[in-house]
């Protein structure tokens, strides 16, 4: 005891010795270092989860959500790229007559609809500015698909009037009735003030297909007007709406095409009767 008291007295009396607060600070630093070491050891110990603070967990959750969003965006871009490549293959197959006109029209219409849906998803969250920007950014070398998806927006059978004959389309009366129904549906939709692009464009596409099946190459003016409207609607966003002058012009074009269809139908009936 005497030796310990003497040693303590000698340390406290030496010049430059530690003050009491310095000793306490050194103890605190030692305790903090020990806590860090224990936490690091627990992190590498199997079956023991390290203690994490609330800010650390929040940052980890934020990074996980960000990674999830990036993965979803990459998946959407991959889907759009797959649709473009599939359209390019389909267009080349149709050009080589490796696929029938009816099968081509069905598959092409489905690809166009999928392309529009994917484009809306990507442009809605700001991943890309437009589908054309996607082509440029990733240097997609698919000229046929680009023309079909960006410029035309309709199968080539509608644009070039390819005649399609199959067992289902053999009945001429059924094709005429289908065309009349499409005319009435489109004109009634405009009368009910349906102006949104995603509401009007499918009606015009169905009408153009039905007219081409019922009267192939016999209603050139009406068919040209419908294709013109299809290209115009395809260049607009789905949420956009036709203004009043455009809606009136579309209604007028539909009436003119319907009158031309009736004249062609009467001429066909007169030719069959004679």
C-alpha atoms as a PDB file:
ATOM      1  CA  UNK A   1       0.000   0.000   0.000  1.00  0.00           C
ATOM      2  CA  UNK A   2       2.814   2.396   0.892  1.00  0.00           C
ATOM      3  CA  UNK A   3       4.574   1.578  -2.402  1.00  0.00           C
ATOM      4  CA  UNK A   4       1.376   2.253  -4.436  1.00  0.00           C
ATOM      5  CA  UNK A   5       0.742   5.570  -2.676  1.00  0.00           C
ATOM      6  CA  UNK A   6       4.314   6.605  -3.279  1.00  0.00           C
ATOM      7  CA  UNK A   7       4.120   5.696  -6.947  1.00  0.00           C
ATOM      8  CA  UNK A   8       0.874   7.674  -7.340  1.00  0.00           C
ATOM      9  CA  UNK A   9       2.447  10.625  -5.583  1.00  0.00           C
ATOM     10  CA  UNK A  10       5.506  10.458  -7.806  1.00  0.00           C
ATOM     11  CA  UNK A  11       3.378  10.333 -11.011  1.00  0.00           C
ATOM     12  CA  UNK A  12       1.213  13.247  -9.957  1.00  0.00           C
ATOM     13  CA  UNK A  13       4.232  15.321  -8.968  1.00  0.00           C
ATOM     14  CA  UNK A  14       6.154  14.785 -12.206  1.00  0.00           C
ATOM     15  CA  UNK A  15       6.136  17.690 -14.672  1.00  0.00           C
ATOM     16  CA  UNK A  16       4.028  17.040 -17.778  1.00  0.00           C
ATOM     17  CA  UNK A  17       1.963  14.267 -16.187  1.00  0.00           C
ATOM     18  CA  UNK A  18      -1.639  13.587 -17.267  1.00  0.00           C
ATOM     19  CA  UNK A  19      -4.361  15.625 -15.667  1.00  0.00           C
ATOM     20  CA  UNK A  20      -7.533  13.956 -14.410  1.00  0.00           C
ATOM     21  CA  UNK A  21      -9.650  15.044 -17.398  1.00  0.00           C
ATOM     22  CA  UNK A  22      -7.024  13.729 -19.809  1.00  0.00           C
ATOM     23  CA  UNK A  23      -7.149  10.384 -18.066  1.00  0.00           C
ATOM     24  CA  UNK A  24     -10.930  10.306 -18.382  1.00  0.00           C
ATOM     25  CA  UNK A  25     -10.735  11.199 -22.085  1.00  0.00           C
ATOM     26  CA  UNK A  26      -8.253   8.414 -22.687  1.00  0.00           C
ATOM     27  CA  UNK A  27     -10.581   5.959 -20.936  1.00  0.00           C
ATOM     28  CA  UNK A  28     -13.515   7.072 -23.080  1.00  0.00           C
ATOM     29  CA  UNK A  29     -11.495   6.644 -26.264  1.00  0.00           C
ATOM     30  CA  UNK A  30     -10.430   3.186 -25.116  1.00  0.00           C
ATOM     31  CA  UNK A  31     -14.044   2.227 -24.393  1.00  0.00           C
ATOM     32  CA  UNK A  32     -15.205   3.499 -27.804  1.00  0.00           C
ATOM     33  CA  UNK A  33     -12.431   1.577 -29.533  1.00  0.00           C
ATOM     34  CA  UNK A  34     -13.428  -1.574 -27.675  1.00  0.00           C
ATOM     35  CA  UNK A  35     -17.051  -1.138 -28.779  1.00  0.00           C
ATOM     36  CA  UNK A  36     -15.963  -0.793 -32.401  1.00  0.00           C
ATOM     37  CA  UNK A  37     -13.841  -3.914 -32.138  1.00  0.00           C
ATOM     38  CA  UNK A  38     -16.666  -5.908 -30.538  1.00  0.00           C
ATOM     39  CA  UNK A  39     -19.138  -4.750 -33.212  1.00  0.00           C
ATOM     40  CA  UNK A  40     -16.762  -5.738 -35.999  1.00  0.00           C
ATOM     41  CA  UNK A  41     -16.196  -9.125 -34.373  1.00  0.00           C
ATOM     42  CA  UNK A  42     -19.962  -9.683 -34.050  1.00  0.00           C
ATOM     43  CA  UNK A  43     -20.441  -8.855 -37.723  1.00  0.00           C
ATOM     44  CA  UNK A  44     -18.099 -11.696 -38.715  1.00  0.00           C
ATOM     45  CA  UNK A  45     -19.442 -14.122 -36.128  1.00  0.00           C
ATOM     46  CA  UNK A  46     -21.917 -16.617 -37.674  1.00  0.00           C
ATOM     47  CA  UNK A  47     -25.423 -16.465 -36.287  1.00  0.00           C
ATOM     48  CA  UNK A  48     -24.989 -13.063 -34.638  1.00  0.00           C
ATOM     49  CA  UNK A  49     -26.482  -9.983 -36.321  1.00  0.00           C
ATOM     50  CA  UNK A  50     -24.623  -6.718 -35.768  1.00  0.00           C
ATOM     51  CA  UNK A  51     -26.479  -3.920 -34.093  1.00  0.00           C
ATOM     52  CA  UNK A  52     -27.372  -1.210 -36.610  1.00  0.00           C
ATOM     53  CA  UNK A  53     -28.825   2.194 -35.965  1.00  0.00           C
ATOM     54  CA  UNK A  54     -32.004   3.576 -37.482  1.00  0.00           C
ATOM     55  CA  UNK A  55     -30.203   5.903 -39.961  1.00  0.00           C
ATOM     56  CA  UNK A  56     -28.095   2.991 -41.171  1.00  0.00           C
ATOM     57  CA  UNK A  57     -31.181   0.837 -41.773  1.00  0.00           C
ATOM     58  CA  UNK A  58     -32.902   3.725 -43.565  1.00  0.00           C
ATOM     59  CA  UNK A  59     -29.932   4.223 -45.892  1.00  0.00           C
ATOM     60  CA  UNK A  60     -29.815   0.493 -46.598  1.00  0.00           C
ATOM     61  CA  UNK A  61     -33.534   0.423 -47.397  1.00  0.00           C
ATOM     62  CA  UNK A  62     -33.131   3.431 -49.702  1.00  0.00           C
ATOM     63  CA  UNK A  63     -30.289   1.766 -51.589  1.00  0.00           C
ATOM     64  CA  UNK A  64     -32.364  -1.419 -51.948  1.00  0.00           C
ATOM     65  CA  UNK A  65     -35.327   0.535 -53.345  1.00  0.00           C
ATOM     66  CA  UNK A  66     -33.056   2.346 -55.785  1.00  0.00           C
ATOM     67  CA  UNK A  67     -31.565  -0.922 -57.016  1.00  0.00           C
ATOM     68  CA  UNK A  68     -35.062  -2.354 -57.413  1.00  0.00           C
ATOM     69  CA  UNK A  69     -36.191   0.645 -59.481  1.00  0.00           C
ATOM     70  CA  UNK A  70     -33.119   0.428 -61.707  1.00  0.00           C
ATOM     71  CA  UNK A  71     -33.720  -3.277 -62.260  1.00  0.00           C
ATOM     72  CA  UNK A  72     -37.365  -2.616 -63.196  1.00  0.00           C
ATOM     73  CA  UNK A  73     -36.319   0.075 -65.677  1.00  0.00           C
ATOM     74  CA  UNK A  74     -33.766  -2.232 -67.267  1.00  0.00           C
ATOM     75  CA  UNK A  75     -36.447  -4.909 -67.566  1.00  0.00           C
ATOM     76  CA  UNK A  76     -38.798  -2.483 -69.330  1.00  0.00           C
ATOM     77  CA  UNK A  77     -36.053  -1.458 -71.749  1.00  0.00           C
ATOM     78  CA  UNK A  78     -35.277  -5.106 -72.445  1.00  0.00           C
ATOM     79  CA  UNK A  79     -38.963  -5.760 -73.198  1.00  0.00           C
ATOM     80  CA  UNK A  80     -39.086  -2.833 -75.610  1.00  0.00           C
ATOM     81  CA  UNK A  81     -35.923  -4.010 -77.358  1.00  0.00           C
ATOM     82  CA  UNK A  82     -37.367  -7.538 -77.687  1.00  0.00           C
ATOM     83  CA  UNK A  83     -40.554  -6.146 -79.249  1.00  0.00           C
ATOM     84  CA  UNK A  84     -38.504  -4.161 -81.774  1.00  0.00           C
ATOM     85  CA  UNK A  85     -36.423  -7.196 -82.736  1.00  0.00           C
ATOM     86  CA  UNK A  86     -39.535  -9.388 -83.049  1.00  0.00           C
ATOM     87  CA  UNK A  87     -41.167  -6.793 -85.321  1.00  0.00           C
ATOM     88  CA  UNK A  88     -38.055  -6.691 -87.512  1.00  0.00           C
ATOM     89  CA  UNK A  89     -38.078 -10.486 -87.869  1.00  0.00           C
ATOM     90  CA  UNK A  90     -41.800 -10.492 -88.668  1.00  0.00           C
ATOM     91  CA  UNK A  91     -41.428  -7.791 -91.318  1.00  0.00           C
ATOM     92  CA  UNK A  92     -38.612  -9.679 -93.017  1.00  0.00           C
ATOM     93  CA  UNK A  93     -40.597 -12.917 -92.930  1.00  0.00           C
ATOM     94  CA  UNK A  94     -43.613 -11.201 -94.508  1.00  0.00           C
ATOM     95  CA  UNK A  95     -41.414  -9.668 -97.206  1.00  0.00           C
ATOM     96  CA  UNK A  96     -40.131 -13.155 -98.089  1.00  0.00           C
ATOM     97  CA  UNK A  97     -43.705 -14.574 -98.080  1.00  0.00           C
ATOM     98  CA  UNK A  98     -42.693 -16.887 -95.230  1.00  0.00           C
ATOM     99  CA  UNK A  99     -45.847 -15.998 -93.278  1.00  0.00           C
ATOM    100  CA  UNK A 100     -49.430 -15.648 -94.461  1.00  0.00           C
ATOM    101  CA  UNK A 101     -51.080 -12.238 -94.648  1.00  0.00           C
ATOM    102  CA  UNK A 102     -53.677 -13.062 -91.995  1.00  0.00           C
ATOM    103  CA  UNK A 103     -51.088 -14.363 -89.523  1.00  0.00           C
ATOM    104  CA  UNK A 104     -48.835 -11.400 -90.241  1.00  0.00           C
ATOM    105  CA  UNK A 105     -51.611  -8.896 -89.623  1.00  0.00           C
ATOM    106  CA  UNK A 106     -52.607 -10.526 -86.328  1.00  0.00           C
ATOM    107  CA  UNK A 107     -49.060 -10.715 -84.966  1.00  0.00           C
ATOM    108  CA  UNK A 108     -48.099  -7.259 -86.212  1.00  0.00           C
ATOM    109  CA  UNK A 109     -51.141  -5.635 -84.595  1.00  0.00           C
ATOM    110  CA  UNK A 110     -50.279  -7.325 -81.307  1.00  0.00           C
ATOM    111  CA  UNK A 111     -46.653  -6.162 -81.477  1.00  0.00           C
ATOM    112  CA  UNK A 112     -47.750  -2.593 -82.213  1.00  0.00           C
ATOM    113  CA  UNK A 113     -50.056  -2.621 -79.189  1.00  0.00           C
ATOM    114  CA  UNK A 114     -47.286  -4.012 -76.965  1.00  0.00           C
ATOM    115  CA  UNK A 115     -44.878  -1.404 -78.304  1.00  0.00           C
ATOM    116  CA  UNK A 116     -47.263   1.412 -77.432  1.00  0.00           C
ATOM    117  CA  UNK A 117     -47.745   0.046 -73.906  1.00  0.00           C
ATOM    118  CA  UNK A 118     -43.992  -0.302 -73.307  1.00  0.00           C
ATOM    119  CA  UNK A 119     -43.358   3.158 -74.727  1.00  0.00           C
ATOM    120  CA  UNK A 120     -45.911   4.690 -72.357  1.00  0.00           C
ATOM    121  CA  UNK A 121     -44.282   2.945 -69.390  1.00  0.00           C
ATOM    122  CA  UNK A 122     -40.778   4.134 -70.265  1.00  0.00           C
ATOM    123  CA  UNK A 123     -41.701   7.699 -71.113  1.00  0.00           C
ATOM    124  CA  UNK A 124     -43.997   7.951 -68.098  1.00  0.00           C
ATOM    125  CA  UNK A 125     -41.234   7.379 -65.542  1.00  0.00           C
ATOM    126  CA  UNK A 126     -38.700   9.457 -67.479  1.00  0.00           C
ATOM    127  CA  UNK A 127     -36.412   6.586 -68.488  1.00  0.00           C
ATOM    128  CA  UNK A 128     -36.410   7.745 -72.125  1.00  0.00           C
ATOM    129  CA  UNK A 129     -37.815  10.838 -73.776  1.00  0.00           C
ATOM    130  CA  UNK A 130     -39.434   8.924 -76.644  1.00  0.00           C
ATOM    131  CA  UNK A 131     -39.210   5.700 -78.606  1.00  0.00           C
ATOM    132  CA  UNK A 132     -37.150   7.471 -81.264  1.00  0.00           C
ATOM    133  CA  UNK A 133     -34.679   8.502 -78.557  1.00  0.00           C
ATOM    134  CA  UNK A 134     -34.493   4.846 -77.477  1.00  0.00           C
ATOM    135  CA  UNK A 135     -33.544   3.847 -81.037  1.00  0.00           C
ATOM    136  CA  UNK A 136     -30.825   6.488 -81.126  1.00  0.00           C
ATOM    137  CA  UNK A 137     -29.459   5.875 -77.643  1.00  0.00           C
ATOM    138  CA  UNK A 138     -29.017   2.124 -78.049  1.00  0.00           C
ATOM    139  CA  UNK A 139     -28.281   2.267 -81.808  1.00  0.00           C
ATOM    140  CA  UNK A 140     -31.005  -0.225 -82.671  1.00  0.00           C
ATOM    141  CA  UNK A 141     -30.406  -1.283 -86.270  1.00  0.00           C
ATOM    142  CA  UNK A 142     -33.919  -2.396 -87.209  1.00  0.00           C
ATOM    143  CA  UNK A 143     -35.094  -0.187 -90.108  1.00  0.00           C
ATOM    144  CA  UNK A 144     -38.223  -2.200 -90.927  1.00  0.00           C
ATOM    145  CA  UNK A 145     -39.367  -2.236 -87.326  1.00  0.00           C
ATOM    146  CA  UNK A 146     -38.634   1.471 -86.953  1.00  0.00           C
ATOM    147  CA  UNK A 147     -40.770   2.308 -89.971  1.00  0.00           C
ATOM    148  CA  UNK A 148     -43.611   0.059 -88.813  1.00  0.00           C
ATOM    149  CA  UNK A 149     -43.628   1.077 -85.153  1.00  0.00           C
ATOM    150  CA  UNK A 150     -42.694   4.758 -85.301  1.00  0.00           C
ATOM    151  CA  UNK A 151     -44.020   5.992 -88.634  1.00  0.00           C
ATOM    152  CA  UNK A 152     -46.819   3.717 -89.817  1.00  0.00           C
ATOM    153  CA  UNK A 153     -48.461   2.272 -86.717  1.00  0.00           C
ATOM    154  CA  UNK A 154     -50.460  -0.231 -88.803  1.00  0.00           C
ATOM    155  CA  UNK A 155     -49.694  -3.580 -90.473  1.00  0.00           C
ATOM    156  CA  UNK A 156     -48.487  -3.550 -94.064  1.00  0.00           C
ATOM    157  CA  UNK A 157     -51.599  -5.455 -95.154  1.00  0.00           C
ATOM    158  CA  UNK A 158     -53.666  -2.374 -94.320  1.00  0.00           C
ATOM    159  CA  UNK A 159     -51.306  -0.003 -96.070  1.00  0.00           C
ATOM    160  CA  UNK A 160     -50.887  -1.955 -99.292  1.00  0.00           C
ATOM    161  CA  UNK A 161     -54.282  -3.615 -99.445  1.00  0.00           C
ATOM    162  CA  UNK A 162     -53.117  -7.227 -99.505  1.00  0.00           C
ATOM    163  CA  UNK A 163     -56.057  -9.486-100.145  1.00  0.00           C
ATOM    164  CA  UNK A 164     -56.566 -12.097 -97.438  1.00  0.00           C
ATOM    165  CA  UNK A 165     -58.611 -15.165 -98.123  1.00  0.00           C
ATOM    166  CA  UNK A 166     -59.193 -17.810 -95.502  1.00  0.00           C
ATOM    167  CA  UNK A 167     -61.949 -20.112 -94.430  1.00  0.00           C
ATOM    168  CA  UNK A 168     -63.187 -17.597 -91.873  1.00  0.00           C
ATOM    169  CA  UNK A 169     -63.270 -14.731 -94.387  1.00  0.00           C
ATOM    170  CA  UNK A 170     -64.919 -16.706 -97.191  1.00  0.00           C
ATOM    171  CA  UNK A 171     -68.395 -15.401 -96.403  1.00  0.00           C
ATOM    172  CA  UNK A 172     -68.700 -11.984 -98.060  1.00  0.00           C
ATOM    173  CA  UNK A 173     -71.893 -11.077 -96.191  1.00  0.00           C
ATOM    174  CA  UNK A 174     -70.162 -11.597 -92.875  1.00  0.00           C
ATOM    175  CA  UNK A 175     -67.307  -9.299 -93.900  1.00  0.00           C
ATOM    176  CA  UNK A 176     -69.713  -6.599 -95.018  1.00  0.00           C
ATOM    177  CA  UNK A 177     -71.686  -6.812 -91.766  1.00  0.00           C
ATOM    178  CA  UNK A 178     -68.446  -6.563 -89.782  1.00  0.00           C
ATOM    179  CA  UNK A 179     -67.389  -3.479 -91.733  1.00  0.00           C
ATOM    180  CA  UNK A 180     -70.766  -1.788 -91.212  1.00  0.00           C
ATOM    181  CA  UNK A 181     -70.542  -2.480 -87.485  1.00  0.00           C
ATOM    182  CA  UNK A 182     -67.053  -0.927 -87.317  1.00  0.00           C
ATOM    183  CA  UNK A 183     -68.272   2.167 -89.160  1.00  0.00           C
ATOM    184  CA  UNK A 184     -71.193   2.616 -86.776  1.00  0.00           C
ATOM    185  CA  UNK A 185     -69.046   2.057 -83.690  1.00  0.00           C
ATOM    186  CA  UNK A 186     -66.447   4.629 -84.741  1.00  0.00           C
ATOM    187  CA  UNK A 187     -69.006   7.271 -85.690  1.00  0.00           C
ATOM    188  CA  UNK A 188     -71.009   6.740 -82.483  1.00  0.00           C
ATOM    189  CA  UNK A 189     -67.839   7.078 -80.393  1.00  0.00           C
ATOM    190  CA  UNK A 190     -67.196  10.525 -81.864  1.00  0.00           C
ATOM    191  CA  UNK A 191     -70.810  11.531 -81.298  1.00  0.00           C
ATOM    192  CA  UNK A 192     -70.394  10.526 -77.631  1.00  0.00           C
ATOM    193  CA  UNK A 193     -67.411  12.917 -77.357  1.00  0.00           C
ATOM    194  CA  UNK A 194     -64.721  10.248 -77.124  1.00  0.00           C
ATOM    195  CA  UNK A 195     -61.584  12.190 -78.012  1.00  0.00           C
ATOM    196  CA  UNK A 196     -58.684  10.360 -76.310  1.00  0.00           C
ATOM    197  CA  UNK A 197     -56.145   8.791 -78.629  1.00  0.00           C
ATOM    198  CA  UNK A 198     -56.198   5.424 -76.856  1.00  0.00           C
ATOM    199  CA  UNK A 199     -59.984   5.325 -77.379  1.00  0.00           C
ATOM    200  CA  UNK A 200     -60.147   6.477 -81.001  1.00  0.00           C
ATOM    201  CA  UNK A 201     -57.089   4.797 -82.509  1.00  0.00           C
ATOM    202  CA  UNK A 202     -58.219   1.153 -81.941  1.00  0.00           C
ATOM    203  CA  UNK A 203     -61.592   1.932 -83.523  1.00  0.00           C
ATOM    204  CA  UNK A 204     -59.989   3.412 -86.638  1.00  0.00           C
ATOM    205  CA  UNK A 205     -57.554   0.489 -86.897  1.00  0.00           C
ATOM    206  CA  UNK A 206     -60.392  -2.053 -86.666  1.00  0.00           C
ATOM    207  CA  UNK A 207     -62.384  -0.129 -89.251  1.00  0.00           C
ATOM    208  CA  UNK A 208     -59.465   0.030 -91.690  1.00  0.00           C
ATOM    209  CA  UNK A 209     -58.906  -3.728 -91.330  1.00  0.00           C
ATOM    210  CA  UNK A 210     -62.599  -4.516 -91.775  1.00  0.00           C
ATOM    211  CA  UNK A 211     -62.885  -2.257 -94.833  1.00  0.00           C
ATOM    212  CA  UNK A 212     -59.856  -3.902 -96.395  1.00  0.00           C
ATOM    213  CA  UNK A 213     -61.381  -7.335 -95.844  1.00  0.00           C
ATOM    214  CA  UNK A 214     -64.836  -6.421 -97.120  1.00  0.00           C
ATOM    215  CA  UNK A 215     -63.875  -4.255-100.099  1.00  0.00           C
ATOM    216  CA  UNK A 216     -60.205  -4.784-100.975  1.00  0.00           C
ATOM    217  CA  UNK A 217     -58.950  -2.033-103.308  1.00  0.00           C
ATOM    218  CA  UNK A 218     -62.482  -0.800-103.978  1.00  0.00           C
ATOM    219  CA  UNK A 219     -62.669   2.152-101.560  1.00  0.00           C
ATOM    220  CA  UNK A 220     -59.400   3.970-102.244  1.00  0.00           C
ATOM    221  CA  UNK A 221     -60.390   7.409-100.925  1.00  0.00           C
ATOM    222  CA  UNK A 222     -61.881   6.140 -97.673  1.00  0.00           C
ATOM    223  CA  UNK A 223     -59.021   3.751 -97.095  1.00  0.00           C
ATOM    224  CA  UNK A 224     -56.425   6.480 -97.706  1.00  0.00           C
ATOM    225  CA  UNK A 225     -58.198   8.772 -95.243  1.00  0.00           C
ATOM    226  CA  UNK A 226     -58.276   6.070 -92.570  1.00  0.00           C
ATOM    227  CA  UNK A 227     -54.581   5.311 -93.014  1.00  0.00           C
ATOM    228  CA  UNK A 228     -53.789   9.005 -92.782  1.00  0.00           C
ATOM    229  CA  UNK A 229     -55.656   9.202 -89.486  1.00  0.00           C
ATOM    230  CA  UNK A 230     -53.906   6.106 -88.218  1.00  0.00           C
ATOM    231  CA  UNK A 231     -50.501   7.669 -88.849  1.00  0.00           C
ATOM    232  CA  UNK A 232     -51.585  10.896 -87.191  1.00  0.00           C
ATOM    233  CA  UNK A 233     -52.973   9.150 -84.102  1.00  0.00           C
ATOM    234  CA  UNK A 234     -49.923   6.925 -83.875  1.00  0.00           C
ATOM    235  CA  UNK A 235     -47.709   9.991 -83.606  1.00  0.00           C
ATOM    236  CA  UNK A 236     -49.683  11.289 -80.616  1.00  0.00           C
ATOM    237  CA  UNK A 237     -49.482  10.188 -77.001  1.00  0.00           C
ATOM    238  CA  UNK A 238     -52.207   7.971 -75.588  1.00  0.00           C
ATOM    239  CA  UNK A 239     -53.309  10.601 -73.054  1.00  0.00           C
ATOM    240  CA  UNK A 240     -53.722  13.323 -75.693  1.00  0.00           C
ATOM    241  CA  UNK A 241     -57.141  14.192 -77.046  1.00  0.00           C
ATOM    242  CA  UNK A 242     -58.389  15.417 -80.390  1.00  0.00           C
ATOM    243  CA  UNK A 243     -59.497  19.025 -80.378  1.00  0.00           C
ATOM    244  CA  UNK A 244     -62.858  20.047 -81.784  1.00  0.00           C
ATOM    245  CA  UNK A 245     -61.688  20.826 -85.366  1.00  0.00           C
ATOM    246  CA  UNK A 246     -59.807  17.509 -85.594  1.00  0.00           C
ATOM    247  CA  UNK A 247     -62.802  15.584 -84.260  1.00  0.00           C
ATOM    248  CA  UNK A 248     -65.111  17.242 -86.794  1.00  0.00           C
ATOM    249  CA  UNK A 249     -62.690  16.455 -89.618  1.00  0.00           C
ATOM    250  CA  UNK A 250     -62.462  12.814 -88.529  1.00  0.00           C
ATOM    251  CA  UNK A 251     -66.249  12.567 -88.383  1.00  0.00           C
ATOM    252  CA  UNK A 252     -66.480  14.035 -91.881  1.00  0.00           C
ATOM    253  CA  UNK A 253     -63.886  11.581 -93.210  1.00  0.00           C
ATOM    254  CA  UNK A 254     -65.772   8.673 -91.658  1.00  0.00           C
ATOM    255  CA  UNK A 255     -69.036   9.790 -93.281  1.00  0.00           C
ATOM    256  CA  UNK A 256     -67.312  10.121 -96.653  1.00  0.00           C
ATOM    257  CA  UNK A 257     -65.724   6.675 -96.340  1.00  0.00           C
ATOM    258  CA  UNK A 258     -69.081   5.177 -95.336  1.00  0.00           C
ATOM    259  CA  UNK A 259     -70.755   6.689 -98.404  1.00  0.00           C
ATOM    260  CA  UNK A 260     -67.975   5.354-100.640  1.00  0.00           C
ATOM    261  CA  UNK A 261     -68.361   1.933 -99.047  1.00  0.00           C
ATOM    262  CA  UNK A 262     -72.103   1.925 -99.808  1.00  0.00           C
ATOM    263  CA  UNK A 263     -71.456   2.936-103.424  1.00  0.00           C
ATOM    264  CA  UNK A 264     -68.906   0.154-103.850  1.00  0.00           C
ATOM    265  CA  UNK A 265     -71.288  -2.319-102.237  1.00  0.00           C
ATOM    266  CA  UNK A 266     -74.124  -1.294-104.572  1.00  0.00           C
ATOM    267  CA  UNK A 267     -71.842  -1.527-107.589  1.00  0.00           C
ATOM    268  CA  UNK A 268     -70.735  -4.988-106.490  1.00  0.00           C
ATOM    269  CA  UNK A 269     -74.337  -6.137-106.047  1.00  0.00           C
ATOM    270  CA  UNK A 270     -75.316  -4.745-109.475  1.00  0.00           C
ATOM    271  CA  UNK A 271     -72.352  -6.473-111.117  1.00  0.00           C
ATOM    272  CA  UNK A 272     -73.272  -9.769-109.445  1.00  0.00           C
ATOM    273  CA  UNK A 273     -76.924  -9.428-110.550  1.00  0.00           C
ATOM    274  CA  UNK A 274     -76.014  -8.762-114.154  1.00  0.00           C
END
